[in-house]
C-alpha atoms as a PDB file:
ATOM      1  CA  ALA A   1      -4.019   6.671   1.700  1.00  0.00           C
ATOM      2  CA  SER A   2      -2.753   9.152  -0.875  1.00  0.00           C
ATOM      3  CA  ASP A   3       0.505   8.218  -0.358  1.00  0.00           C
ATOM      4  CA  ARG A   4      -0.273   4.738  -1.538  1.00  0.00           C
ATOM      5  CA  VAL A   5      -1.715   5.763  -4.384  1.00  0.00           C
ATOM      6  CA  VAL A   6       1.170   7.769  -5.582  1.00  0.00           C
ATOM      7  CA  LEU A   7       3.436   5.027  -4.295  1.00  0.00           C
ATOM      8  CA  THR A   8       1.763   2.428  -6.268  1.00  0.00           C
ATOM      9  CA  LEU A   9       2.138   4.286  -9.666  1.00  0.00           C
ATOM     10  CA  GLN A  10       5.727   4.272  -9.412  1.00  0.00           C
ATOM     11  CA  GLY A  11       5.558   1.328 -11.172  1.00  0.00           C
ATOM     12  CA  PHE A  12       3.462   2.313 -14.055  1.00  0.00           C
ATOM     13  CA  THR A  13       5.528   5.296 -14.929  1.00  0.00           C
ATOM     14  CA  PHE A  14       8.864   2.997 -15.539  1.00  0.00           C
ATOM     15  CA  THR A  15       6.320   1.558 -18.508  1.00  0.00           C
ATOM     16  CA  PHE A  16       6.930   5.083 -19.737  1.00  0.00           C
ATOM     17  CA  ARG A  17      10.085   7.002 -21.610  1.00  0.00           C
ATOM     18  CA  ASN A  18      10.385  10.429 -19.722  1.00  0.00           C
ATOM     19  CA  ALA A  19      10.365  13.348 -22.379  1.00  0.00           C
ATOM     20  CA  ALA A  20      11.280  15.826 -19.453  1.00  0.00           C
ATOM     21  CA  HIS A  21      10.174  19.627 -19.746  1.00  0.00           C
ATOM     22  CA  THR A  22      11.796  21.725 -17.055  1.00  0.00           C
ATOM     23  CA  PHE A  23      10.721  24.244 -15.232  1.00  0.00           C
ATOM     24  CA  GLY A  24      13.448  26.389 -13.052  1.00  0.00           C
ATOM     25  CA  ASN A  25      14.118  23.642 -10.335  1.00  0.00           C
ATOM     26  CA  PHE A  26      11.297  20.975 -11.199  1.00  0.00           C
ATOM     27  CA  THR A  27      11.401  18.823 -14.208  1.00  0.00           C
ATOM     28  CA  LEU A  28       7.959  17.800 -15.936  1.00  0.00           C
ATOM     29  CA  THR A  29       8.284  14.047 -17.074  1.00  0.00           C
ATOM     30  CA  ARG A  30       5.874  11.901 -18.788  1.00  0.00           C
ATOM     31  CA  GLY A  31       5.625   9.243 -16.061  1.00  0.00           C
ATOM     32  CA  HIS A  32       4.319  12.941 -13.844  1.00  0.00           C
ATOM     33  CA  LEU A  33       1.619  13.485 -16.784  1.00  0.00           C
ATOM     34  CA  VAL A  34       0.724   9.479 -17.032  1.00  0.00           C
ATOM     35  CA  ALA A  35       0.395   9.207 -13.507  1.00  0.00           C
ATOM     36  CA  ILE A  36      -1.788  12.311 -12.719  1.00  0.00           C
ATOM     37  CA  THR A  37      -3.988  11.434 -16.034  1.00  0.00           C
ATOM     38  CA  VAL A  38      -4.247   7.712 -14.532  1.00  0.00           C
ATOM     39  CA  ILE A  39      -5.330   9.322 -10.603  1.00  0.00           C
ATOM     40  CA  ALA A  40      -7.890  11.396 -12.283  1.00  0.00           C
ATOM     41  CA  ILE A  41      -9.815   8.949 -14.281  1.00  0.00           C
ATOM     42  CA  GLN A  42      -9.433   6.492 -11.479  1.00  0.00           C
ATOM     43  CA  THR A  43     -11.178   9.292  -9.003  1.00  0.00           C
ATOM     44  CA  LEU A  44     -13.861  10.369 -11.996  1.00  0.00           C
ATOM     45  CA  VAL A  45     -14.906   6.465 -11.889  1.00  0.00           C
ATOM     46  CA  ASN A  46     -15.101   6.114  -8.207  1.00  0.00           C
ATOM     47  CA  ILE A  47     -17.214   9.319  -8.028  1.00  0.00           C
ATOM     48  CA  PHE A  48     -19.849   7.946 -10.427  1.00  0.00           C
ATOM     49  CA  GLY A  49     -20.711   5.419  -8.611  1.00  0.00           C
ATOM     50  CA  VAL A  50     -19.306   2.710  -6.875  1.00  0.00           C
ATOM     51  CA  ARG A  51     -20.792  -0.021  -8.744  1.00  0.00           C
ATOM     52  CA  LYS A  52     -18.482   1.428 -11.122  1.00  0.00           C
ATOM     53  CA  GLY A  53     -15.327   1.718  -8.793  1.00  0.00           C
ATOM     54  CA  ALA A  54     -16.524  -1.862  -7.957  1.00  0.00           C
ATOM     55  CA  VAL A  55     -16.425  -3.277 -11.996  1.00  0.00           C
ATOM     56  CA  LEU A  56     -13.229  -1.197 -12.662  1.00  0.00           C
ATOM     57  CA  GLN A  57     -11.865  -2.547  -9.623  1.00  0.00           C
ATOM     58  CA  ASN A  58     -12.319  -6.425 -10.471  1.00  0.00           C
ATOM     59  CA  VAL A  59     -11.485  -5.989 -14.337  1.00  0.00           C
ATOM     60  CA  ALA A  60      -7.994  -4.633 -13.005  1.00  0.00           C
ATOM     61  CA  THR A  61      -7.826  -7.040 -10.743  1.00  0.00           C
ATOM     62  CA  TRP A  62      -8.236  -9.795 -12.752  1.00  0.00           C
ATOM     63  CA  ALA A  63      -5.882  -8.030 -15.534  1.00  0.00           C
ATOM     64  CA  LYS A  64      -2.977  -8.223 -12.990  1.00  0.00           C
ATOM     65  CA  PHE A  65      -3.328 -12.111 -11.967  1.00  0.00           C
ATOM     66  CA  ALA A  66      -3.718 -13.186 -15.432  1.00  0.00           C
ATOM     67  CA  ALA A  67      -0.510 -10.792 -16.080  1.00  0.00           C
ATOM     68  CA  ILE A  68       1.785 -12.238 -13.453  1.00  0.00           C
ATOM     69  CA  GLY A  69       0.646 -16.007 -13.617  1.00  0.00           C
ATOM     70  CA  GLY A  70       1.681 -15.918 -17.297  1.00  0.00           C
ATOM     71  CA  PHE A  71       5.051 -14.532 -16.012  1.00  0.00           C
ATOM     72  CA  VAL A  72       5.498 -17.259 -13.691  1.00  0.00           C
ATOM     73  CA  ILE A  73       4.411 -20.197 -15.354  1.00  0.00           C
ATOM     74  CA  LEU A  74       6.126 -18.788 -18.758  1.00  0.00           C
ATOM     75  CA  GLY A  75       9.324 -18.087 -17.087  1.00  0.00           C
ATOM     76  CA  LEU A  76       9.735 -21.362 -15.176  1.00  0.00           C
ATOM     77  CA  ALA A  77       8.708 -23.383 -18.117  1.00  0.00           C
ATOM     78  CA  ILE A  78      10.088 -21.948 -20.669  1.00  0.00           C
ATOM     79  CA  GLY A  79      12.565 -18.965 -19.485  1.00  0.00           C
ATOM     80  CA  LYS A  80      16.669 -19.316 -19.286  1.00  0.00           C
ATOM     81  CA  GLY A  81      17.575 -19.370 -15.512  1.00  0.00           C
ATOM     82  CA  SER A  82      19.294 -21.557 -12.850  1.00  0.00           C
ATOM     83  CA  TRP A  83      18.315 -23.141  -9.695  1.00  0.00           C
ATOM     84  CA  GLY A  84      21.643 -22.772  -8.291  1.00  0.00           C
ATOM     85  CA  HIS A  85      20.309 -19.335  -7.633  1.00  0.00           C
ATOM     86  CA  TYR A  86      18.609 -20.079  -5.066  1.00  0.00           C
ATOM     87  CA  SER A  87      22.406 -21.439  -3.038  1.00  0.00           C
ATOM     88  CA  VAL A  88      23.835 -18.240  -1.386  1.00  0.00           C
ATOM     89  CA  SER A  89      26.142 -16.880   1.044  1.00  0.00           C
ATOM     90  CA  LEU A  90      26.710 -14.026   2.499  1.00  0.00           C
ATOM     91  CA  PRO A  91      29.783 -12.680   3.182  1.00  0.00           C
ATOM     92  CA  ALA A  92      31.105 -10.427   5.837  1.00  0.00           C
ATOM     93  CA  THR A  93      30.920  -6.764   4.775  1.00  0.00           C
ATOM     94  CA  PRO A  94      32.820  -4.100   6.963  1.00  0.00           C
ATOM     95  CA  GLY A  95      30.624  -1.377   7.958  1.00  0.00           C
ATOM     96  CA  ALA A  96      27.484  -2.935   7.074  1.00  0.00           C
ATOM     97  CA  PRO A  97      24.178  -3.925   8.760  1.00  0.00           C
ATOM     98  CA  THR A  98      23.689  -6.560  10.814  1.00  0.00           C
ATOM     99  CA  LEU A  99      21.777  -9.390   9.041  1.00  0.00           C
ATOM    100  CA  MET A 100      18.617  -8.566  10.946  1.00  0.00           C
ATOM    101  CA  ALA A 101      19.145  -5.309  11.018  1.00  0.00           C
ATOM    102  CA  GLY A 102      18.943  -5.462   7.075  1.00  0.00           C
ATOM    103  CA  ILE A 103      16.152  -8.027   6.932  1.00  0.00           C
ATOM    104  CA  GLY A 104      14.294  -5.114   8.571  1.00  0.00           C
ATOM    105  CA  VAL A 105      15.224  -2.899   6.088  1.00  0.00           C
ATOM    106  CA  ALA A 106      13.775  -5.137   3.270  1.00  0.00           C
ATOM    107  CA  LEU A 107      10.596  -6.342   5.331  1.00  0.00           C
ATOM    108  CA  ILE A 108       9.607  -2.318   3.959  1.00  0.00           C
ATOM    109  CA  ALA A 109       9.203  -3.508   0.215  1.00  0.00           C
ATOM    110  CA  VAL A 110       7.420  -6.837   1.694  1.00  0.00           C
ATOM    111  CA  PHE A 111       5.154  -5.207   4.281  1.00  0.00           C
ATOM    112  CA  TRP A 112       3.999  -2.799   1.295  1.00  0.00           C
ATOM    113  CA  ALA A 113       2.922  -5.349  -1.041  1.00  0.00           C
ATOM    114  CA  TYR A 114       0.723  -7.126   1.872  1.00  0.00           C
ATOM    115  CA  ASP A 115      -0.642  -3.772   3.195  1.00  0.00           C
ATOM    116  CA  GLY A 116      -3.654  -4.130   0.885  1.00  0.00           C
ATOM    117  CA  TRP A 117      -5.024  -6.587   3.380  1.00  0.00           C
ATOM    118  CA  VAL A 118      -6.548  -3.797   5.613  1.00  0.00           C
ATOM    119  CA  TYR A 119      -8.467  -2.286   2.547  1.00  0.00           C
ATOM    120  CA  ILE A 120     -11.827  -3.923   3.003  1.00  0.00           C
ATOM    121  CA  THR A 121     -12.497  -2.963   6.577  1.00  0.00           C
ATOM    122  CA  TRP A 122     -12.004   0.907   4.914  1.00  0.00           C
ATOM    123  CA  VAL A 123     -15.445   0.196   3.070  1.00  0.00           C
ATOM    124  CA  SER A 124     -16.931  -2.313   5.631  1.00  0.00           C
ATOM    125  CA  GLY A 125     -19.907  -0.038   6.025  1.00  0.00           C
ATOM    126  CA  GLU A 126     -20.264  -0.751   2.388  1.00  0.00           C
ATOM    127  CA  VAL A 127     -20.231  -4.720   2.155  1.00  0.00           C
ATOM    128  CA  LYS A 128     -22.951  -6.683   2.405  1.00  0.00           C
ATOM    129  CA  ASP A 129     -23.202  -9.488   5.259  1.00  0.00           C
ATOM    130  CA  PRO A 130     -19.917  -8.238   6.949  1.00  0.00           C
ATOM    131  CA  GLN A 131     -19.451 -10.733   9.964  1.00  0.00           C
ATOM    132  CA  ARG A 132     -19.185 -13.285   7.393  1.00  0.00           C
ATOM    133  CA  ASN A 133     -17.477 -11.525   4.038  1.00  0.00           C
ATOM    134  CA  LEU A 134     -15.374  -9.363   5.978  1.00  0.00           C
ATOM    135  CA  PRO A 135     -13.235 -12.160   7.657  1.00  0.00           C
ATOM    136  CA  ARG A 136     -13.141 -14.318   4.831  1.00  0.00           C
ATOM    137  CA  ALA A 137     -11.815 -11.970   2.125  1.00  0.00           C
ATOM    138  CA  MET A 138      -8.948 -10.626   4.256  1.00  0.00           C
ATOM    139  CA  ILE A 139      -8.085 -14.694   5.286  1.00  0.00           C
ATOM    140  CA  LEU A 140      -8.661 -15.463   1.306  1.00  0.00           C
ATOM    141  CA  GLY A 141      -7.019 -12.021   0.266  1.00  0.00           C
ATOM    142  CA  MET A 142      -3.613 -12.895   2.560  1.00  0.00           C
ATOM    143  CA  ILE A 143      -3.495 -16.608   1.251  1.00  0.00           C
ATOM    144  CA  LEU A 144      -3.682 -15.115  -2.711  1.00  0.00           C
ATOM    145  CA  VAL A 145      -1.133 -12.265  -1.691  1.00  0.00           C
ATOM    146  CA  GLY A 146       1.235 -14.590  -0.321  1.00  0.00           C
ATOM    147  CA  ILE A 147       1.159 -17.602  -2.787  1.00  0.00           C
ATOM    148  CA  ILE A 148       1.646 -14.439  -5.989  1.00  0.00           C
ATOM    149  CA  TYR A 149       4.632 -12.718  -3.726  1.00  0.00           C
ATOM    150  CA  LEU A 150       6.613 -16.076  -3.482  1.00  0.00           C
ATOM    151  CA  SER A 151       6.067 -17.345  -6.473  1.00  0.00           C
ATOM    152  CA  ILE A 152       7.311 -14.318  -8.606  1.00  0.00           C
ATOM    153  CA  ASN A 153      10.083 -13.999  -6.569  1.00  0.00           C
ATOM    154  CA  ALA A 154      11.062 -17.477  -6.977  1.00  0.00           C
ATOM    155  CA  VAL A 155      10.891 -16.432 -10.689  1.00  0.00           C
ATOM    156  CA  TYR A 156      13.166 -13.693 -10.325  1.00  0.00           C
ATOM    157  CA  LEU A 157      15.680 -15.717  -7.926  1.00  0.00           C
ATOM    158  CA  TYR A 158      15.695 -18.708 -11.165  1.00  0.00           C
ATOM    159  CA  ALA A 159      16.248 -15.780 -13.578  1.00  0.00           C
ATOM    160  CA  LEU A 160      19.195 -13.963 -11.939  1.00  0.00           C
ATOM    161  CA  PRO A 161      21.822 -14.213  -9.338  1.00  0.00           C
ATOM    162  CA  MET A 162      21.432 -12.717  -5.817  1.00  0.00           C
ATOM    163  CA  ALA A 163      24.167 -10.109  -6.534  1.00  0.00           C
ATOM    164  CA  GLN A 164      22.441  -9.049  -9.415  1.00  0.00           C
ATOM    165  CA  ILE A 165      19.161  -8.688  -7.895  1.00  0.00           C
ATOM    166  CA  ALA A 166      20.694  -6.350  -5.690  1.00  0.00           C
ATOM    167  CA  ASP A 167      22.358  -4.083  -8.122  1.00  0.00           C
ATOM    168  CA  GLN A 168      18.705  -3.636 -10.282  1.00  0.00           C
ATOM    169  CA  THR A 169      16.160  -0.975  -9.372  1.00  0.00           C
ATOM    170  CA  THR A 170      13.477  -2.766 -11.667  1.00  0.00           C
ATOM    171  CA  VAL A 171      14.098  -6.076 -11.011  1.00  0.00           C
ATOM    172  CA  ALA A 172      11.331  -7.975 -13.213  1.00  0.00           C
ATOM    173  CA  GLN A 173      12.698  -6.400 -16.283  1.00  0.00           C
ATOM    174  CA  ALA A 174      15.974  -7.592 -15.732  1.00  0.00           C
ATOM    175  CA  ALA A 175      14.486 -10.697 -15.096  1.00  0.00           C
ATOM    176  CA  ALA A 176      12.422 -10.897 -18.103  1.00  0.00           C
ATOM    177  CA  VAL A 177      15.827 -10.096 -20.746  1.00  0.00           C
ATOM    178  CA  SER A 178      17.508 -12.812 -18.696  1.00  0.00           C
ATOM    179  CA  MET A 179      15.178 -15.341 -19.547  1.00  0.00           C
ATOM    180  CA  PHE A 180      14.123 -14.112 -22.524  1.00  0.00           C
ATOM    181  CA  SER A 181      14.617 -11.204 -24.506  1.00  0.00           C
ATOM    182  CA  ALA A 182      14.550  -7.086 -24.509  1.00  0.00           C
ATOM    183  CA  ASN A 183      11.073  -7.517 -26.511  1.00  0.00           C
ATOM    184  CA  ALA A 184       9.514 -10.004 -23.564  1.00  0.00           C
ATOM    185  CA  ALA A 185      10.498  -7.046 -21.287  1.00  0.00           C
ATOM    186  CA  ARG A 186       8.869  -4.615 -23.074  1.00  0.00           C
ATOM    187  CA  TRP A 187       5.644  -6.674 -22.428  1.00  0.00           C
ATOM    188  CA  LEU A 188       6.078  -7.443 -18.875  1.00  0.00           C
ATOM    189  CA  ALA A 189       6.748  -3.243 -18.709  1.00  0.00           C
ATOM    190  CA  ILE A 190       3.105  -3.110 -19.894  1.00  0.00           C
ATOM    191  CA  MET A 191       2.046  -5.756 -17.326  1.00  0.00           C
ATOM    192  CA  ILE A 192       3.672  -4.154 -14.617  1.00  0.00           C
ATOM    193  CA  ALA A 193       1.765  -0.908 -15.520  1.00  0.00           C
ATOM    194  CA  ILE A 194      -1.378  -3.250 -15.393  1.00  0.00           C
ATOM    195  CA  SER A 195      -1.128  -4.497 -12.043  1.00  0.00           C
ATOM    196  CA  CYS A 196      -0.458  -1.235 -10.613  1.00  0.00           C
ATOM    197  CA  PHE A 197      -3.583   0.057 -11.966  1.00  0.00           C
ATOM    198  CA  GLY A 198      -5.110  -2.813 -10.132  1.00  0.00           C
ATOM    199  CA  ALA A 199      -3.692  -1.672  -6.859  1.00  0.00           C
ATOM    200  CA  MET A 200      -4.430   1.514  -7.267  1.00  0.00           C
ATOM    201  CA  ALA A 201      -7.953   0.964  -8.127  1.00  0.00           C
ATOM    202  CA  SER A 202      -8.315  -0.571  -4.409  1.00  0.00           C
ATOM    203  CA  ALA A 203      -6.775   2.211  -2.882  1.00  0.00           C
ATOM    204  CA  ILE A 204      -8.515   5.098  -4.443  1.00  0.00           C
ATOM    205  CA  MET A 205     -11.794   3.641  -3.625  1.00  0.00           C
ATOM    206  CA  THR A 206     -11.012   2.585   0.080  1.00  0.00           C
ATOM    207  CA  GLY A 207      -8.769   5.171   0.520  1.00  0.00           C
ATOM    208  CA  ALA A 208     -11.440   8.233   0.320  1.00  0.00           C
ATOM    209  CA  ARG A 209     -13.806   5.943   2.940  1.00  0.00           C
ATOM    210  CA  VAL A 210     -11.206   6.581   5.602  1.00  0.00           C
ATOM    211  CA  TYR A 211     -11.622  10.423   5.658  1.00  0.00           C
ATOM    212  CA  TYR A 212     -15.522  10.343   5.208  1.00  0.00           C
ATOM    213  CA  ALA A 213     -15.496   7.861   8.258  1.00  0.00           C
ATOM    214  CA  MET A 214     -13.312  10.506  10.149  1.00  0.00           C
ATOM    215  CA  ALA A 215     -15.062  13.665   9.304  1.00  0.00           C
ATOM    216  CA  GLU A 216     -18.297  11.600  10.300  1.00  0.00           C
ATOM    217  CA  ASP A 217     -16.947  11.386  13.728  1.00  0.00           C
ATOM    218  CA  ARG A 218     -16.328  14.416  13.808  1.00  0.00           C
ATOM    219  CA  VAL A 219     -12.246  14.471  14.039  1.00  0.00           C
ATOM    220  CA  PHE A 220     -11.898  16.012  10.782  1.00  0.00           C
ATOM    221  CA  PHE A 221     -13.417  18.290   8.355  1.00  0.00           C
ATOM    222  CA  ARG A 222     -16.939  18.128   8.083  1.00  0.00           C
ATOM    223  CA  SER A 223     -16.928  18.845   4.299  1.00  0.00           C
ATOM    224  CA  PHE A 224     -14.921  15.092   3.397  1.00  0.00           C
ATOM    225  CA  ALA A 225     -18.539  13.714   4.523  1.00  0.00           C
ATOM    226  CA  ARG A 226     -20.143  15.012   2.036  1.00  0.00           C
ATOM    227  CA  VAL A 227     -22.008  12.185  -0.476  1.00  0.00           C
ATOM    228  CA  SER A 228     -23.216  12.845  -3.853  1.00  0.00           C
ATOM    229  CA  PRO A 229     -27.031  12.680  -3.710  1.00  0.00           C
ATOM    230  CA  ARG A 230     -26.319  11.567  -7.344  1.00  0.00           C
ATOM    231  CA  TRP A 231     -23.417   9.087  -6.961  1.00  0.00           C
ATOM    232  CA  HIS A 232     -23.904   8.431  -3.232  1.00  0.00           C
ATOM    233  CA  THR A 233     -20.200   8.601  -3.051  1.00  0.00           C
ATOM    234  CA  PRO A 234     -17.996  10.830  -0.807  1.00  0.00           C
ATOM    235  CA  VAL A 235     -17.157  13.044  -3.667  1.00  0.00           C
ATOM    236  CA  VAL A 236     -15.578  15.475  -1.716  1.00  0.00           C
ATOM    237  CA  SER A 237     -13.274  13.018   0.170  1.00  0.00           C
ATOM    238  CA  LEU A 238     -12.428  11.361  -3.219  1.00  0.00           C
ATOM    239  CA  ILE A 239     -11.618  14.802  -5.254  1.00  0.00           C
ATOM    240  CA  LEU A 240      -9.521  16.217  -2.564  1.00  0.00           C
ATOM    241  CA  GLN A 241      -7.361  12.848  -2.425  1.00  0.00           C
ATOM    242  CA  GLY A 242      -6.784  13.167  -6.001  1.00  0.00           C
ATOM    243  CA  VAL A 243      -5.449  16.375  -5.459  1.00  0.00           C
ATOM    244  CA  TRP A 244      -3.413  15.530  -2.595  1.00  0.00           C
ATOM    245  CA  SER A 245      -2.139  12.264  -4.714  1.00  0.00           C
ATOM    246  CA  ALA A 246      -1.526  14.181  -7.601  1.00  0.00           C
ATOM    247  CA  ALA A 247       1.025  16.490  -5.617  1.00  0.00           C
ATOM    248  CA  LEU A 248       2.701  14.096  -4.419  1.00  0.00           C
ATOM    249  CA  ALA A 249       3.504  12.070  -7.621  1.00  0.00           C
ATOM    250  CA  LEU A 250       5.068  15.387  -8.632  1.00  0.00           C
ATOM    251  CA  SER A 251       7.587  15.671  -5.838  1.00  0.00           C
ATOM    252  CA  GLY A 252       8.762  12.002  -7.444  1.00  0.00           C
ATOM    253  CA  ARG A 253      10.432  10.901  -4.266  1.00  0.00           C
ATOM    254  CA  TYR A 254       9.149   7.683  -4.308  1.00  0.00           C
ATOM    255  CA  ASP A 255      11.635   6.200  -2.214  1.00  0.00           C
ATOM    256  CA  GLN A 256      11.059   8.641   0.722  1.00  0.00           C
ATOM    257  CA  LEU A 257       7.452   8.356   0.359  1.00  0.00           C
ATOM    258  CA  PHE A 258       7.504   4.518   0.472  1.00  0.00           C
ATOM    259  CA  THR A 259       9.754   4.422   4.032  1.00  0.00           C
ATOM    260  CA  TYR A 260       7.767   6.959   6.120  1.00  0.00           C
ATOM    261  CA  VAL A 261       4.529   5.825   4.868  1.00  0.00           C
ATOM    262  CA  MET A 262       4.839   2.368   5.920  1.00  0.00           C
ATOM    263  CA  PHE A 263       6.717   3.637   9.010  1.00  0.00           C
ATOM    264  CA  MET A 264       3.288   5.276   9.941  1.00  0.00           C
ATOM    265  CA  MET A 265       1.454   2.259   8.777  1.00  0.00           C
ATOM    266  CA  VAL A 266       3.045  -0.725  10.911  1.00  0.00           C
ATOM    267  CA  LEU A 267       2.989   1.920  14.168  1.00  0.00           C
ATOM    268  CA  SER A 268      -0.591   2.881  13.577  1.00  0.00           C
ATOM    269  CA  TYR A 269      -1.149  -1.413  13.275  1.00  0.00           C
ATOM    270  CA  VAL A 270       0.817  -1.374  16.424  1.00  0.00           C
ATOM    271  CA  LEU A 271      -1.272   0.693  18.175  1.00  0.00           C
ATOM    272  CA  THR A 272      -4.434  -0.741  17.116  1.00  0.00           C
ATOM    273  CA  VAL A 273      -3.690  -4.423  17.883  1.00  0.00           C
ATOM    274  CA  ALA A 274      -2.223  -2.933  21.424  1.00  0.00           C
ATOM    275  CA  ALA A 275      -5.566  -1.422  21.695  1.00  0.00           C
ATOM    276  CA  LEU A 276      -7.395  -4.766  21.661  1.00  0.00           C
ATOM    277  CA  PHE A 277      -5.778  -5.553  25.282  1.00  0.00           C
ATOM    278  CA  VAL A 278      -7.218  -2.021  26.766  1.00  0.00           C
ATOM    279  CA  LEU A 279     -10.772  -2.674  25.315  1.00  0.00           C
ATOM    280  CA  ARG A 280     -10.649  -6.003  27.021  1.00  0.00           C
ATOM    281  CA  ARG A 281     -10.142  -5.540  30.167  1.00  0.00           C
ATOM    282  CA  LYS A 282     -12.069  -1.945  30.303  1.00  0.00           C
ATOM    283  CA  MET A 283     -15.028  -3.417  28.075  1.00  0.00           C
ATOM    284  CA  PRO A 284     -15.035  -7.021  29.022  1.00  0.00           C
ATOM    285  CA  ASP A 285     -18.411  -7.663  28.610  1.00  0.00           C
ATOM    286  CA  ALA A 286     -18.663  -5.708  25.339  1.00  0.00           C
ATOM    287  CA  PRO A 287     -20.563  -7.554  22.775  1.00  0.00           C
ATOM    288  CA  ARG A 288     -17.385  -8.750  19.935  1.00  0.00           C
ATOM    289  CA  PRO A 289     -19.397 -10.138  16.840  1.00  0.00           C
ATOM    290  CA  TYR A 290     -15.672 -10.482  15.222  1.00  0.00           C
ATOM    291  CA  ARG A 291     -13.359 -12.201  17.555  1.00  0.00           C
ATOM    292  CA  CYS A 292      -9.913 -12.156  17.877  1.00  0.00           C
ATOM    293  CA  ALA A 293      -8.256 -15.823  17.142  1.00  0.00           C
ATOM    294  CA  GLY A 294      -4.969 -17.253  19.279  1.00  0.00           C
ATOM    295  CA  TYR A 295      -5.927 -14.045  21.611  1.00  0.00           C
ATOM    296  CA  PRO A 296      -3.779 -12.788  23.809  1.00  0.00           C
ATOM    297  CA  TRP A 297      -0.462 -14.583  22.049  1.00  0.00           C
ATOM    298  CA  LEU A 298      -1.419 -14.101  18.571  1.00  0.00           C
ATOM    299  CA  PRO A 299      -1.737 -10.547  18.832  1.00  0.00           C
ATOM    300  CA  LEU A 300       0.890  -9.929  21.133  1.00  0.00           C
ATOM    301  CA  LEU A 301       3.225 -11.322  18.709  1.00  0.00           C
ATOM    302  CA  TYR A 302       2.287  -8.744  16.121  1.00  0.00           C
ATOM    303  CA  VAL A 303       2.790  -6.045  18.709  1.00  0.00           C
ATOM    304  CA  ILE A 304       6.357  -7.548  19.380  1.00  0.00           C
ATOM    305  CA  VAL A 305       6.558  -8.079  15.994  1.00  0.00           C
ATOM    306  CA  GLY A 306       5.614  -4.552  14.353  1.00  0.00           C
ATOM    307  CA  THR A 307       7.372  -3.116  17.596  1.00  0.00           C
ATOM    308  CA  ILE A 308      10.566  -4.397  16.417  1.00  0.00           C
ATOM    309  CA  PHE A 309      10.319  -3.262  12.508  1.00  0.00           C
ATOM    310  CA  THR A 310       8.812   0.459  13.815  1.00  0.00           C
ATOM    311  CA  VAL A 311      12.573   0.349  16.114  1.00  0.00           C
ATOM    312  CA  ASN A 312      14.794  -0.692  13.438  1.00  0.00           C
ATOM    313  CA  LEU A 313      13.634   1.526  10.698  1.00  0.00           C
ATOM    314  CA  VAL A 314      14.009   4.913  13.563  1.00  0.00           C
ATOM    315  CA  ILE A 315      17.654   3.507  13.453  1.00  0.00           C
ATOM    316  CA  GLU A 316      18.135   2.176   9.938  1.00  0.00           C
ATOM    317  CA  ARG A 317      15.989   5.180   8.220  1.00  0.00           C
ATOM    318  CA  PRO A 318      16.194   7.923  10.609  1.00  0.00           C
ATOM    319  CA  LYS A 319      15.440  10.813   7.993  1.00  0.00           C
ATOM    320  CA  GLU A 320      12.331   9.001   6.877  1.00  0.00           C
ATOM    321  CA  ALA A 321      11.280   7.728   9.944  1.00  0.00           C
ATOM    322  CA  GLY A 322      11.316  11.427  11.171  1.00  0.00           C
ATOM    323  CA  TRP A 323       9.187  12.838   8.737  1.00  0.00           C
ATOM    324  CA  GLY A 324       6.565  10.272   8.951  1.00  0.00           C
ATOM    325  CA  THR A 325       6.103  11.111  12.522  1.00  0.00           C
ATOM    326  CA  LEU A 326       6.293  15.031  12.174  1.00  0.00           C
ATOM    327  CA  ILE A 327       3.342  13.775   9.800  1.00  0.00           C
ATOM    328  CA  VAL A 328       1.666  12.318  12.157  1.00  0.00           C
ATOM    329  CA  LEU A 329       2.280  14.332  15.069  1.00  0.00           C
ATOM    330  CA  ALA A 330       1.403  17.243  12.470  1.00  0.00           C
ATOM    331  CA  GLY A 331      -2.478  16.160  12.465  1.00  0.00           C
ATOM    332  CA  ALA A 332      -2.575  16.021  16.650  1.00  0.00           C
ATOM    333  CA  PRO A 333      -3.273  19.171  17.371  1.00  0.00           C
ATOM    334  CA  LEU A 334      -6.355  18.803  14.695  1.00  0.00           C
ATOM    335  CA  TYR A 335      -7.461  15.846  16.518  1.00  0.00           C
ATOM    336  CA  PHE A 336      -7.458  17.147  19.596  1.00  0.00           C
ATOM    337  CA  TYR A 337      -8.983  20.453  18.759  1.00  0.00           C
ATOM    338  CA  TRP A 338     -12.032  18.377  17.245  1.00  0.00           C
ATOM    339  CA  LYS A 339     -12.482  16.002  19.785  1.00  0.00           C
ATOM    340  CA  ARG A 340     -12.573  19.212  22.052  1.00  0.00           C
ATOM    341  CA  GLN A 341     -15.433  20.688  20.072  1.00  0.00           C
ATOM    342  CA  GLN A 342     -17.428  17.315  20.461  1.00  0.00           C
ATOM    343  CA  THR A 343     -17.087  17.539  24.204  1.00  0.00           C
ATOM    344  CA  ARG A 344     -18.499  21.051  24.850  1.00  0.00           C
ATOM    345  CA  GLU A 345     -21.386  20.153  22.241  1.00  0.00           C
ATOM    346  CA  GLY A 346     -21.841  17.253  24.217  1.00  0.00           C
ATOM    347  CA  GLN A 347     -22.486  19.601  27.813  1.00  0.00           C
ATOM    348  CA  LYS A 348     -24.423  21.858  25.565  1.00  0.00           C
ATOM    349  CA  THR A 349     -26.913  18.925  24.867  1.00  0.00           C
END
């Protein structure tokens, strides 16, 4: 979750010109300072109460919707572009990855855009009427994100030809310059910052609940389960999450973080969904307040697609996939240690 916070800030730091200060081999930029400041502010707001964090998230989310909606509507209504950009050819390039392999790598960014779908489950213990509201939030959220994602990419393709998009690292700003002017691109940069701010608000609020739940289940440091008697929030989890996020922000290697985070997350989702088949077999009569639609074919399709994605990532991005795997394996000894402690305590009682 800390990695998500940092990666969300990547677009945010694009809106500020870097003023570099070099310390040995490390360069501290204005972007770094802005990222750390925003992490600190949002962490403090969430420490001071769930309601305050929710208010901040709601305001940032609606501001994000307004910014993206305005860009899409104005871009298609009065922006300079061409519908001919939608017609593209894919010439064969010697040494280039196959089409399907290329699509698999491109899906890293797509999966990142949709990855917030699971956030609501991380705060399910604080959701009213979760049996009703969790499925609604997840389904409606996915539909809304899908509409936004397709709409804004439609504007990008309208503004720029595919070849030009492929050469850009900041497609949104290039599209704004092409459709409107350089001044419009500056305003769009502010809109991107608002969007990233809203995404980060949810990441900070929900991410700390994961560490809290792990500590409650005795598979993580017990201090992470401490709740403030005054604000009723997991203070230790929030603070240490903020510190780790700031450290990752200073690393500056967003491209690598981006890839190995998605590798780890998709792999964990695949294993989680695969566990559904195991639980159905081992506990056939267990109460199930949440039903899996389309069982067994829909979860089976998810496992197959997710497995193909992770295998393709290992082939096409072995370094990032390797780091992601090492990070997961690094936690394994601690997990088994804590599980053994649970077993010993259970035997004593």
